[in-house]
Amino acid sequence: MKTIVAAGFALAVSAAPALGAFPCDEYWGERNAVYKDAGYCFKTSRAIQAFGNAGCQFDDIADVPLSARDRAKVRDIERQERENDCPR
């Protein structure tokens, strides 16, 4: 296993990830790190396991207060996810 740190999120990946899996996992981690930093309360077991919900404040993602810069970052990551056919 190799550990990648993106936006403060440590992501463990195998030395030979499946084609397409690595960028999707990285995008997922980067996107959700933005929401974690802004106080989102995750609902999926994957996100809760990766980020936890300690200190979360917002149950609805639409209520998460993101700066214009963070919104642009999330939009860019989502575009990259679509271009790479990442699961959502």
Protein backbone atom coordinates (compact mmCIF):
# COMPACT_ATOMS: atom_id res chain seq x y z
CA MET A 1 0.00 0.00 0.00
CA LYS A 2 1.07 3.55 -0.74
CA THR A 3 -0.32 6.55 1.14
CA ILE A 4 -1.20 9.71 -0.76
CA VAL A 5 -2.03 12.92 1.10
CA ALA A 6 -4.36 15.31 -0.71
CA ALA A 7 -5.83 18.35 0.99
CA GLY A 8 -5.01 16.87 4.38
CA PHE A 9 -6.72 13.59 3.52
CA ALA A 10 -4.56 10.45 3.64
CA LEU A 11 -5.59 7.99 0.98
CA ALA A 12 -4.17 4.48 0.99
CA VAL A 13 -3.95 2.97 -2.47
CA SER A 14 -2.43 -0.25 -3.70
CA ALA A 15 0.80 -0.06 -5.66
CA ALA A 16 -1.09 -1.03 -8.83
CA PRO A 17 -4.58 0.49 -8.68
CA ALA A 18 -7.19 -0.46 -11.24
CA LEU A 19 -7.15 1.78 -14.29
CA GLY A 20 -9.23 4.83 -13.48
CA ALA A 21 -9.62 4.00 -9.79
CA PHE A 22 -6.75 6.16 -8.54
CA PRO A 23 -7.83 9.48 -10.01
CA CYS A 24 -11.41 8.87 -8.90
CA ASP A 25 -10.36 8.10 -5.33
CA GLU A 26 -8.14 11.18 -5.29
CA TYR A 27 -10.92 13.42 -6.63
CA TRP A 28 -13.36 11.96 -4.10
CA GLY A 29 -10.95 12.68 -1.26
CA GLU A 30 -10.18 16.22 -2.40
CA ARG A 31 -13.84 17.09 -2.93
CA ASN A 32 -14.95 15.69 0.40
CA ALA A 33 -12.03 17.32 2.25
CA VAL A 34 -13.48 20.68 1.19
CA TYR A 35 -16.85 19.72 2.66
CA LYS A 36 -15.27 18.31 5.84
CA ASP A 37 -13.37 21.54 6.42
CA ALA A 38 -16.64 23.47 6.01
CA GLY A 39 -18.50 21.35 8.59
CA TYR A 40 -20.55 18.90 6.50
CA CYS A 41 -22.00 15.86 8.29
CA PHE A 42 -21.28 12.88 6.07
CA LYS A 43 -23.89 10.20 5.49
CA THR A 44 -22.07 7.38 3.69
CA SER A 45 -20.05 4.86 5.65
CA ARG A 46 -17.08 5.43 3.34
CA ALA A 47 -16.99 9.16 4.05
CA ILE A 48 -17.65 8.75 7.77
CA GLN A 49 -14.84 6.20 8.00
CA ALA A 50 -12.46 8.46 6.06
CA PHE A 51 -13.35 11.83 7.60
CA GLY A 52 -15.56 11.21 10.63
CA ASN A 53 -18.34 13.52 11.70
CA ALA A 54 -16.80 15.07 14.80
CA GLY A 55 -17.60 18.76 14.87
CA CYS A 56 -19.88 18.63 11.85
CA GLN A 57 -22.65 21.22 11.66
CA PHE A 58 -24.54 20.83 8.38
CA ASP A 59 -26.71 17.84 7.47
CA ASP A 60 -27.72 19.24 4.07
CA ILE A 61 -24.88 19.78 1.63
CA ALA A 62 -26.74 22.78 0.21
CA ASP A 63 -26.41 24.49 3.61
CA VAL A 64 -22.61 24.14 3.75
CA PRO A 65 -21.10 27.63 3.60
CA LEU A 66 -18.36 27.48 0.97
CA SER A 67 -16.28 30.41 -0.18
CA ALA A 68 -16.31 31.29 -3.87
CA ARG A 69 -12.87 29.72 -4.11
CA ASP A 70 -14.03 26.46 -2.51
CA ARG A 71 -17.13 26.35 -4.72
CA ALA A 72 -14.92 26.75 -7.79
CA LYS A 73 -12.62 24.00 -6.51
CA VAL A 74 -15.56 21.63 -5.99
CA ARG A 75 -16.93 22.43 -9.47
CA ASP A 76 -13.51 21.73 -11.00
CA ILE A 77 -13.18 18.43 -9.12
CA GLU A 78 -16.71 17.40 -10.14
CA ARG A 79 -15.86 18.19 -13.77
CA GLN A 80 -12.75 16.01 -13.52
CA GLU A 81 -14.84 13.23 -11.96
CA ARG A 82 -17.30 13.39 -14.87
CA GLU A 83 -14.48 13.40 -17.44
CA ASN A 84 -13.02 10.29 -15.80
CA ASP A 85 -16.41 8.53 -15.45
CA CYS A 86 -15.98 8.38 -11.69
CA PRO A 87 -18.87 6.92 -9.69
CA ARG A 88 -20.87 9.41 -7.61
